[in-house]
């Protein structure tokens, strides 16, 4: 399928690893100039160099913390200065601590909401005026499926992600008439370093080993396997393209029809 993305520009947060890295790779393979952002400058620079060498497209590293508004503004401005526009925004930055209610601290709740929710708000707020001025743009928020499927072990993530979904629906109504499409992609477990850390934490809190934590996760998915990051990236790339011109205001699970409660039994 020809996605007609060549020559467009993208800003991808959380782009140094995991889903964000794969999104940047997929977009660059389609001929998109990509700016990637993450907190760790060294890993980010390494990723940008590797993706640029692999795809032959410009991949710009713009280190920044999406929980800090000044960093968000600086990263967006650096992308605009380098590329002249931002046609595509993909937000992947942010993680939330897993844990049980009686053990989660206020700081952990605030950490989740500040990065995983407010980080998305800050990034969209900085980018969307430029899309409105151009009369077009595609925003794809990567929002975990716990925003749709509550989990008592993933409450901090679930709260932040549910807020993201409401936010995305709201801005879809506001900016759709101005040429900006907004959608979310909602993965469950995805085979990344982040998921490995969550498995370890889940095993700790459930009193099992990591192999059992993995088995429970797989058993909660009817297809019986963990999603790969490139699968999520392929969906994001499709949504970013004009081929998906009528997909707007959608929340699209990519989780193998996971049933959260099966994982926690």
C-alpha atoms as a PDB file:
ATOM      1  CA  UNK A   1       0.000   0.000   0.000  1.00  0.00           C
ATOM      2  CA  UNK A   2       1.341   3.421  -0.954  1.00  0.00           C
ATOM      3  CA  UNK A   3       0.923   5.751   2.010  1.00  0.00           C
ATOM      4  CA  UNK A   4       2.129   8.906   0.225  1.00  0.00           C
ATOM      5  CA  UNK A   5       4.117  10.046   3.244  1.00  0.00           C
ATOM      6  CA  UNK A   6       7.360  10.907   1.443  1.00  0.00           C
ATOM      7  CA  UNK A   7       8.464  14.475   2.105  1.00  0.00           C
ATOM      8  CA  UNK A   8       6.380  14.922   5.237  1.00  0.00           C
ATOM      9  CA  UNK A   9       7.816  15.741   8.649  1.00  0.00           C
ATOM     10  CA  UNK A  10       7.144  14.151  12.032  1.00  0.00           C
ATOM     11  CA  UNK A  11       7.860  14.751  15.702  1.00  0.00           C
ATOM     12  CA  UNK A  12       7.899  11.566  17.792  1.00  0.00           C
ATOM     13  CA  UNK A  13       8.219  11.665  21.574  1.00  0.00           C
ATOM     14  CA  UNK A  14       9.692   8.726  23.463  1.00  0.00           C
ATOM     15  CA  UNK A  15      11.649   7.985  20.314  1.00  0.00           C
ATOM     16  CA  UNK A  16      14.848   6.488  21.670  1.00  0.00           C
ATOM     17  CA  UNK A  17      13.484   2.977  22.260  1.00  0.00           C
ATOM     18  CA  UNK A  18      10.477   0.706  22.258  1.00  0.00           C
ATOM     19  CA  UNK A  19       7.358   1.724  20.371  1.00  0.00           C
ATOM     20  CA  UNK A  20       8.605   5.260  19.699  1.00  0.00           C
ATOM     21  CA  UNK A  21      11.772   3.990  18.063  1.00  0.00           C
ATOM     22  CA  UNK A  22       9.794   1.640  15.826  1.00  0.00           C
ATOM     23  CA  UNK A  23       7.386   4.421  14.883  1.00  0.00           C
ATOM     24  CA  UNK A  24      10.326   6.615  13.875  1.00  0.00           C
ATOM     25  CA  UNK A  25      11.788   3.737  11.847  1.00  0.00           C
ATOM     26  CA  UNK A  26       8.528   3.050  10.024  1.00  0.00           C
ATOM     27  CA  UNK A  27       7.960   6.720   9.221  1.00  0.00           C
ATOM     28  CA  UNK A  28      11.520   7.205   7.990  1.00  0.00           C
ATOM     29  CA  UNK A  29      11.189   4.134   5.760  1.00  0.00           C
ATOM     30  CA  UNK A  30       8.196   5.870   4.166  1.00  0.00           C
ATOM     31  CA  UNK A  31      10.327   8.916   3.358  1.00  0.00           C
ATOM     32  CA  UNK A  32       9.361  11.065   6.341  1.00  0.00           C
ATOM     33  CA  UNK A  33      11.868  13.394   7.987  1.00  0.00           C
ATOM     34  CA  UNK A  34      11.627  12.568  11.687  1.00  0.00           C
ATOM     35  CA  UNK A  35      12.594  14.364  14.882  1.00  0.00           C
ATOM     36  CA  UNK A  36      12.728  12.116  17.932  1.00  0.00           C
ATOM     37  CA  UNK A  37      12.701  13.240  21.545  1.00  0.00           C
ATOM     38  CA  UNK A  38      13.478  11.511  24.845  1.00  0.00           C
ATOM     39  CA  UNK A  39      15.141  12.356  28.133  1.00  0.00           C
ATOM     40  CA  UNK A  40      18.343  10.355  27.636  1.00  0.00           C
ATOM     41  CA  UNK A  41      20.477  12.326  25.178  1.00  0.00           C
ATOM     42  CA  UNK A  42      23.103   9.625  24.567  1.00  0.00           C
ATOM     43  CA  UNK A  43      20.593   6.867  23.730  1.00  0.00           C
ATOM     44  CA  UNK A  44      18.606   9.318  21.627  1.00  0.00           C
ATOM     45  CA  UNK A  45      21.613  10.388  19.555  1.00  0.00           C
ATOM     46  CA  UNK A  46      22.566   6.744  19.023  1.00  0.00           C
ATOM     47  CA  UNK A  47      19.059   5.848  17.874  1.00  0.00           C
ATOM     48  CA  UNK A  48      18.898   8.805  15.492  1.00  0.00           C
ATOM     49  CA  UNK A  49      22.238   7.884  13.920  1.00  0.00           C
ATOM     50  CA  UNK A  50      21.235   4.231  13.520  1.00  0.00           C
ATOM     51  CA  UNK A  51      17.860   5.016  11.975  1.00  0.00           C
ATOM     52  CA  UNK A  52      19.326   7.614   9.653  1.00  0.00           C
ATOM     53  CA  UNK A  53      21.953   5.139   8.446  1.00  0.00           C
ATOM     54  CA  UNK A  54      19.336   2.405   7.998  1.00  0.00           C
ATOM     55  CA  UNK A  55      16.676   4.444   6.189  1.00  0.00           C
ATOM     56  CA  UNK A  56      18.633   7.195   4.438  1.00  0.00           C
ATOM     57  CA  UNK A  57      16.213   9.766   5.839  1.00  0.00           C
ATOM     58  CA  UNK A  58      16.940  12.655   8.177  1.00  0.00           C
ATOM     59  CA  UNK A  59      16.384  11.631  11.808  1.00  0.00           C
ATOM     60  CA  UNK A  60      16.955  14.518  14.201  1.00  0.00           C
ATOM     61  CA  UNK A  61      17.624  13.961  17.900  1.00  0.00           C
ATOM     62  CA  UNK A  62      16.099  16.643  20.142  1.00  0.00           C
ATOM     63  CA  UNK A  63      16.630  15.639  23.799  1.00  0.00           C
ATOM     64  CA  UNK A  64      13.972  16.828  26.212  1.00  0.00           C
ATOM     65  CA  UNK A  65      11.690  15.932  29.097  1.00  0.00           C
ATOM     66  CA  UNK A  66       8.008  16.104  28.195  1.00  0.00           C
ATOM     67  CA  UNK A  67       7.143  16.684  31.854  1.00  0.00           C
ATOM     68  CA  UNK A  68       8.839  20.102  31.584  1.00  0.00           C
ATOM     69  CA  UNK A  69       6.993  22.662  29.477  1.00  0.00           C
ATOM     70  CA  UNK A  70      10.140  24.595  28.529  1.00  0.00           C
ATOM     71  CA  UNK A  71      11.667  21.369  27.175  1.00  0.00           C
ATOM     72  CA  UNK A  72       8.550  20.651  25.125  1.00  0.00           C
ATOM     73  CA  UNK A  73       8.605  24.130  23.591  1.00  0.00           C
ATOM     74  CA  UNK A  74      12.322  23.893  22.860  1.00  0.00           C
ATOM     75  CA  UNK A  75      12.010  20.482  21.173  1.00  0.00           C
ATOM     76  CA  UNK A  76       9.069  21.567  19.041  1.00  0.00           C
ATOM     77  CA  UNK A  77      10.830  24.790  18.026  1.00  0.00           C
ATOM     78  CA  UNK A  78      13.996  22.866  17.147  1.00  0.00           C
ATOM     79  CA  UNK A  79      11.959  20.544  14.925  1.00  0.00           C
ATOM     80  CA  UNK A  80      10.238  23.460  13.204  1.00  0.00           C
ATOM     81  CA  UNK A  81      13.577  25.198  12.694  1.00  0.00           C
ATOM     82  CA  UNK A  82      15.079  22.072  11.131  1.00  0.00           C
ATOM     83  CA  UNK A  83      12.115  20.962   9.012  1.00  0.00           C
ATOM     84  CA  UNK A  84       9.916  24.043   8.593  1.00  0.00           C
ATOM     85  CA  UNK A  85       6.754  22.216   9.631  1.00  0.00           C
ATOM     86  CA  UNK A  86       5.380  19.333  11.675  1.00  0.00           C
ATOM     87  CA  UNK A  87       2.887  17.321   9.628  1.00  0.00           C
ATOM     88  CA  UNK A  88       2.707  14.361  12.008  1.00  0.00           C
ATOM     89  CA  UNK A  89       2.863  14.215  15.806  1.00  0.00           C
ATOM     90  CA  UNK A  90       3.179  10.880  17.602  1.00  0.00           C
ATOM     91  CA  UNK A  91       3.343  10.869  21.405  1.00  0.00           C
ATOM     92  CA  UNK A  92       4.938   7.811  22.998  1.00  0.00           C
ATOM     93  CA  UNK A  93       6.831   9.363  25.922  1.00  0.00           C
ATOM     94  CA  UNK A  94       5.825   8.336  29.380  1.00  0.00           C
ATOM     95  CA  UNK A  95       5.598   5.415  31.719  1.00  0.00           C
ATOM     96  CA  UNK A  96       3.600   4.795  34.856  1.00  0.00           C
ATOM     97  CA  UNK A  97       4.463   2.702  37.893  1.00  0.00           C
ATOM     98  CA  UNK A  98       2.477  -0.460  38.430  1.00  0.00           C
ATOM     99  CA  UNK A  99       1.462  -1.400  41.931  1.00  0.00           C
ATOM    100  CA  UNK A 100      -1.315  -1.957  44.429  1.00  0.00           C
ATOM    101  CA  UNK A 101      -3.368   0.903  45.852  1.00  0.00           C
ATOM    102  CA  UNK A 102      -2.116   0.603  49.408  1.00  0.00           C
ATOM    103  CA  UNK A 103       1.501   0.752  48.235  1.00  0.00           C
ATOM    104  CA  UNK A 104       1.323   3.541  45.644  1.00  0.00           C
ATOM    105  CA  UNK A 105       2.499   6.940  46.875  1.00  0.00           C
ATOM    106  CA  UNK A 106       1.211  10.378  45.950  1.00  0.00           C
ATOM    107  CA  UNK A 107       4.497  11.001  44.143  1.00  0.00           C
ATOM    108  CA  UNK A 108       3.918   7.932  41.958  1.00  0.00           C
ATOM    109  CA  UNK A 109       0.412   9.113  41.059  1.00  0.00           C
ATOM    110  CA  UNK A 110       1.696  12.602  40.229  1.00  0.00           C
ATOM    111  CA  UNK A 111       4.609  11.140  38.240  1.00  0.00           C
ATOM    112  CA  UNK A 112       2.205   9.165  36.057  1.00  0.00           C
ATOM    113  CA  UNK A 113      -0.199  12.036  35.473  1.00  0.00           C
ATOM    114  CA  UNK A 114       2.540  14.622  34.891  1.00  0.00           C
ATOM    115  CA  UNK A 115       4.321  12.680  32.179  1.00  0.00           C
ATOM    116  CA  UNK A 116       1.808  10.289  30.660  1.00  0.00           C
ATOM    117  CA  UNK A 117      -1.119  12.738  30.633  1.00  0.00           C
ATOM    118  CA  UNK A 118       0.200  16.284  30.970  1.00  0.00           C
ATOM    119  CA  UNK A 119       3.214  15.442  28.789  1.00  0.00           C
ATOM    120  CA  UNK A 120       0.787  14.626  25.989  1.00  0.00           C
ATOM    121  CA  UNK A 121      -1.214  17.790  26.661  1.00  0.00           C
ATOM    122  CA  UNK A 122       1.934  19.953  26.579  1.00  0.00           C
ATOM    123  CA  UNK A 123       3.156  18.395  23.349  1.00  0.00           C
ATOM    124  CA  UNK A 124      -0.146  18.710  21.500  1.00  0.00           C
ATOM    125  CA  UNK A 125      -0.564  22.269  22.775  1.00  0.00           C
ATOM    126  CA  UNK A 126       2.841  23.214  21.369  1.00  0.00           C
ATOM    127  CA  UNK A 127       2.345  21.543  17.974  1.00  0.00           C
ATOM    128  CA  UNK A 128      -1.314  21.966  17.057  1.00  0.00           C
ATOM    129  CA  UNK A 129      -1.254  25.734  16.337  1.00  0.00           C
ATOM    130  CA  UNK A 130       1.285  25.082  13.573  1.00  0.00           C
ATOM    131  CA  UNK A 131      -0.920  22.359  12.088  1.00  0.00           C
ATOM    132  CA  UNK A 132      -3.934  24.665  12.217  1.00  0.00           C
ATOM    133  CA  UNK A 133      -1.943  27.367  10.441  1.00  0.00           C
ATOM    134  CA  UNK A 134      -0.992  24.857   7.742  1.00  0.00           C
ATOM    135  CA  UNK A 135      -4.579  23.613   7.495  1.00  0.00           C
ATOM    136  CA  UNK A 136      -3.585  19.961   7.945  1.00  0.00           C
ATOM    137  CA  UNK A 137      -1.914  17.504  10.274  1.00  0.00           C
ATOM    138  CA  UNK A 138      -2.207  14.117  11.907  1.00  0.00           C
ATOM    139  CA  UNK A 139      -1.843  13.503  15.647  1.00  0.00           C
ATOM    140  CA  UNK A 140      -1.557   9.953  16.953  1.00  0.00           C
ATOM    141  CA  UNK A 141      -1.390   9.454  20.718  1.00  0.00           C
ATOM    142  CA  UNK A 142      -0.089   6.076  21.865  1.00  0.00           C
ATOM    143  CA  UNK A 143      -2.282   5.391  24.903  1.00  0.00           C
ATOM    144  CA  UNK A 144      -2.173   2.088  26.785  1.00  0.00           C
ATOM    145  CA  UNK A 145      -5.251  -0.120  26.709  1.00  0.00           C
ATOM    146  CA  UNK A 146      -5.640   0.210  30.490  1.00  0.00           C
ATOM    147  CA  UNK A 147      -7.332   3.534  29.723  1.00  0.00           C
ATOM    148  CA  UNK A 148     -10.145   1.427  28.232  1.00  0.00           C
ATOM    149  CA  UNK A 149      -9.760  -1.760  30.282  1.00  0.00           C
ATOM    150  CA  UNK A 150      -9.267  -1.057  34.007  1.00  0.00           C
ATOM    151  CA  UNK A 151      -6.681  -3.042  35.920  1.00  0.00           C
ATOM    152  CA  UNK A 152      -6.232  -2.875  39.679  1.00  0.00           C
ATOM    153  CA  UNK A 153      -2.473  -3.302  39.279  1.00  0.00           C
ATOM    154  CA  UNK A 154      -2.192  -0.598  36.596  1.00  0.00           C
ATOM    155  CA  UNK A 155      -4.257   2.121  38.258  1.00  0.00           C
ATOM    156  CA  UNK A 156      -1.798   5.003  37.798  1.00  0.00           C
ATOM    157  CA  UNK A 157      -1.409   4.195  34.106  1.00  0.00           C
ATOM    158  CA  UNK A 158      -5.129   3.601  33.729  1.00  0.00           C
ATOM    159  CA  UNK A 159      -6.011   6.982  35.210  1.00  0.00           C
ATOM    160  CA  UNK A 160      -3.503   8.831  33.016  1.00  0.00           C
ATOM    161  CA  UNK A 161      -4.505   6.907  29.905  1.00  0.00           C
ATOM    162  CA  UNK A 162      -8.230   7.389  30.487  1.00  0.00           C
ATOM    163  CA  UNK A 163      -7.521  11.119  30.738  1.00  0.00           C
ATOM    164  CA  UNK A 164      -5.569  10.903  27.470  1.00  0.00           C
ATOM    165  CA  UNK A 165      -8.524   9.287  25.728  1.00  0.00           C
ATOM    166  CA  UNK A 166     -10.905  11.984  26.907  1.00  0.00           C
ATOM    167  CA  UNK A 167      -8.392  14.651  25.880  1.00  0.00           C
ATOM    168  CA  UNK A 168      -7.974  13.104  22.426  1.00  0.00           C
ATOM    169  CA  UNK A 169     -11.728  12.944  21.843  1.00  0.00           C
ATOM    170  CA  UNK A 170     -12.068  16.573  22.904  1.00  0.00           C
ATOM    171  CA  UNK A 171      -9.343  17.901  20.624  1.00  0.00           C
ATOM    172  CA  UNK A 172     -10.637  15.763  17.753  1.00  0.00           C
ATOM    173  CA  UNK A 173     -13.897  17.703  18.003  1.00  0.00           C
ATOM    174  CA  UNK A 174     -12.081  21.020  18.254  1.00  0.00           C
ATOM    175  CA  UNK A 175      -9.448  20.642  15.562  1.00  0.00           C
ATOM    176  CA  UNK A 176     -11.040  18.267  13.040  1.00  0.00           C
ATOM    177  CA  UNK A 177     -12.838  21.166  11.310  1.00  0.00           C
ATOM    178  CA  UNK A 178      -9.456  22.892  11.023  1.00  0.00           C
ATOM    179  CA  UNK A 179      -7.849  20.041   9.092  1.00  0.00           C
ATOM    180  CA  UNK A 180      -6.151  18.213  11.965  1.00  0.00           C
ATOM    181  CA  UNK A 181      -6.943  14.524  12.505  1.00  0.00           C
ATOM    182  CA  UNK A 182      -6.568  13.055  16.001  1.00  0.00           C
ATOM    183  CA  UNK A 183      -6.563   9.359  16.890  1.00  0.00           C
ATOM    184  CA  UNK A 184      -5.225   7.111  19.621  1.00  0.00           C
ATOM    185  CA  UNK A 185      -3.634   3.676  19.389  1.00  0.00           C
ATOM    186  CA  UNK A 186      -4.140   1.537  22.468  1.00  0.00           C
ATOM    187  CA  UNK A 187      -1.629  -1.295  22.959  1.00  0.00           C
ATOM    188  CA  UNK A 188      -1.682  -3.854  25.720  1.00  0.00           C
ATOM    189  CA  UNK A 189       1.540  -5.697  26.587  1.00  0.00           C
ATOM    190  CA  UNK A 190       4.216  -4.932  23.981  1.00  0.00           C
ATOM    191  CA  UNK A 191       7.535  -6.770  23.877  1.00  0.00           C
ATOM    192  CA  UNK A 192       9.870  -3.911  24.866  1.00  0.00           C
ATOM    193  CA  UNK A 193      12.320  -3.124  27.652  1.00  0.00           C
ATOM    194  CA  UNK A 194       9.499  -1.261  29.355  1.00  0.00           C
ATOM    195  CA  UNK A 195       7.320  -4.373  29.383  1.00  0.00           C
ATOM    196  CA  UNK A 196      10.189  -6.429  30.820  1.00  0.00           C
ATOM    197  CA  UNK A 197      10.352  -4.009  33.749  1.00  0.00           C
ATOM    198  CA  UNK A 198       6.595  -4.188  34.243  1.00  0.00           C
ATOM    199  CA  UNK A 199       6.721  -7.981  34.234  1.00  0.00           C
ATOM    200  CA  UNK A 200       9.325  -7.915  36.985  1.00  0.00           C
ATOM    201  CA  UNK A 201       7.257  -5.481  39.075  1.00  0.00           C
ATOM    202  CA  UNK A 202       4.069  -7.494  38.488  1.00  0.00           C
ATOM    203  CA  UNK A 203       5.834 -10.687  39.538  1.00  0.00           C
ATOM    204  CA  UNK A 204       7.045  -8.966  42.719  1.00  0.00           C
ATOM    205  CA  UNK A 205       3.603  -7.690  43.704  1.00  0.00           C
ATOM    206  CA  UNK A 206       1.808 -10.930  42.853  1.00  0.00           C
ATOM    207  CA  UNK A 207       4.359 -13.108  44.640  1.00  0.00           C
ATOM    208  CA  UNK A 208       5.330 -15.107  41.547  1.00  0.00           C
ATOM    209  CA  UNK A 209       8.417 -15.352  39.358  1.00  0.00           C
ATOM    210  CA  UNK A 210       8.801 -13.494  36.070  1.00  0.00           C
ATOM    211  CA  UNK A 211       8.118 -16.595  33.983  1.00  0.00           C
ATOM    212  CA  UNK A 212       4.714 -16.919  35.657  1.00  0.00           C
ATOM    213  CA  UNK A 213       4.057 -13.206  35.147  1.00  0.00           C
ATOM    214  CA  UNK A 214       4.761 -13.694  31.440  1.00  0.00           C
ATOM    215  CA  UNK A 215       2.513 -16.753  31.303  1.00  0.00           C
ATOM    216  CA  UNK A 216      -0.343 -14.814  32.908  1.00  0.00           C
ATOM    217  CA  UNK A 217       0.061 -11.952  30.460  1.00  0.00           C
ATOM    218  CA  UNK A 218      -0.012 -14.325  27.498  1.00  0.00           C
ATOM    219  CA  UNK A 219      -2.995 -16.190  28.966  1.00  0.00           C
ATOM    220  CA  UNK A 220      -4.930 -12.912  29.187  1.00  0.00           C
ATOM    221  CA  UNK A 221      -4.649 -12.505  25.397  1.00  0.00           C
ATOM    222  CA  UNK A 222      -6.834 -14.820  23.280  1.00  0.00           C
ATOM    223  CA  UNK A 223      -4.151 -14.984  20.593  1.00  0.00           C
ATOM    224  CA  UNK A 224      -1.715 -16.116  23.279  1.00  0.00           C
ATOM    225  CA  UNK A 225       1.194 -13.822  22.475  1.00  0.00           C
ATOM    226  CA  UNK A 226       2.617 -10.417  23.352  1.00  0.00           C
ATOM    227  CA  UNK A 227       2.339  -7.725  20.660  1.00  0.00           C
ATOM    228  CA  UNK A 228       5.564  -6.693  18.913  1.00  0.00           C
ATOM    229  CA  UNK A 229       6.494  -2.975  18.742  1.00  0.00           C
ATOM    230  CA  UNK A 230       6.669  -3.024  14.943  1.00  0.00           C
ATOM    231  CA  UNK A 231       2.995  -4.045  14.840  1.00  0.00           C
ATOM    232  CA  UNK A 232       2.035  -0.946  16.812  1.00  0.00           C
ATOM    233  CA  UNK A 233       4.303   1.203  14.644  1.00  0.00           C
ATOM    234  CA  UNK A 234       2.662  -0.075  11.451  1.00  0.00           C
ATOM    235  CA  UNK A 235      -0.768   0.957  12.725  1.00  0.00           C
ATOM    236  CA  UNK A 236       0.504   4.372  13.824  1.00  0.00           C
ATOM    237  CA  UNK A 237       2.105   4.938  10.414  1.00  0.00           C
ATOM    238  CA  UNK A 238      -1.121   4.066   8.615  1.00  0.00           C
ATOM    239  CA  UNK A 239      -3.092   6.481  10.811  1.00  0.00           C
ATOM    240  CA  UNK A 240      -0.534   9.209  10.165  1.00  0.00           C
ATOM    241  CA  UNK A 241      -1.111   8.933   6.423  1.00  0.00           C
ATOM    242  CA  UNK A 242      -3.814  10.451   4.241  1.00  0.00           C
ATOM    243  CA  UNK A 243      -4.893   6.906   3.339  1.00  0.00           C
ATOM    244  CA  UNK A 244      -6.618   7.037   6.735  1.00  0.00           C
ATOM    245  CA  UNK A 245      -8.235  10.399   5.966  1.00  0.00           C
ATOM    246  CA  UNK A 246     -11.629   9.361   7.353  1.00  0.00           C
ATOM    247  CA  UNK A 247     -10.232   7.846  10.548  1.00  0.00           C
ATOM    248  CA  UNK A 248     -10.649  10.626  13.099  1.00  0.00           C
ATOM    249  CA  UNK A 249     -11.490  10.657  16.797  1.00  0.00           C
ATOM    250  CA  UNK A 250     -10.928   6.897  16.990  1.00  0.00           C
ATOM    251  CA  UNK A 251      -9.460   4.852  19.848  1.00  0.00           C
ATOM    252  CA  UNK A 252      -8.015   1.697  18.309  1.00  0.00           C
ATOM    253  CA  UNK A 253      -6.968  -1.229  20.543  1.00  0.00           C
ATOM    254  CA  UNK A 254      -4.003  -3.289  19.391  1.00  0.00           C
ATOM    255  CA  UNK A 255      -3.848  -5.816  22.197  1.00  0.00           C
ATOM    256  CA  UNK A 256      -5.035  -9.151  20.800  1.00  0.00           C
ATOM    257  CA  UNK A 257      -8.367  -8.615  22.615  1.00  0.00           C
ATOM    258  CA  UNK A 258      -6.667  -8.800  26.004  1.00  0.00           C
ATOM    259  CA  UNK A 259      -8.790  -9.441  29.094  1.00  0.00           C
ATOM    260  CA  UNK A 260      -6.977  -7.717  31.965  1.00  0.00           C
ATOM    261  CA  UNK A 261      -8.745  -9.599  34.724  1.00  0.00           C
ATOM    262  CA  UNK A 262      -7.311 -12.908  33.499  1.00  0.00           C
ATOM    263  CA  UNK A 263      -3.781 -11.593  34.107  1.00  0.00           C
ATOM    264  CA  UNK A 264      -4.484 -10.650  37.706  1.00  0.00           C
ATOM    265  CA  UNK A 265      -6.041 -13.908  38.894  1.00  0.00           C
END
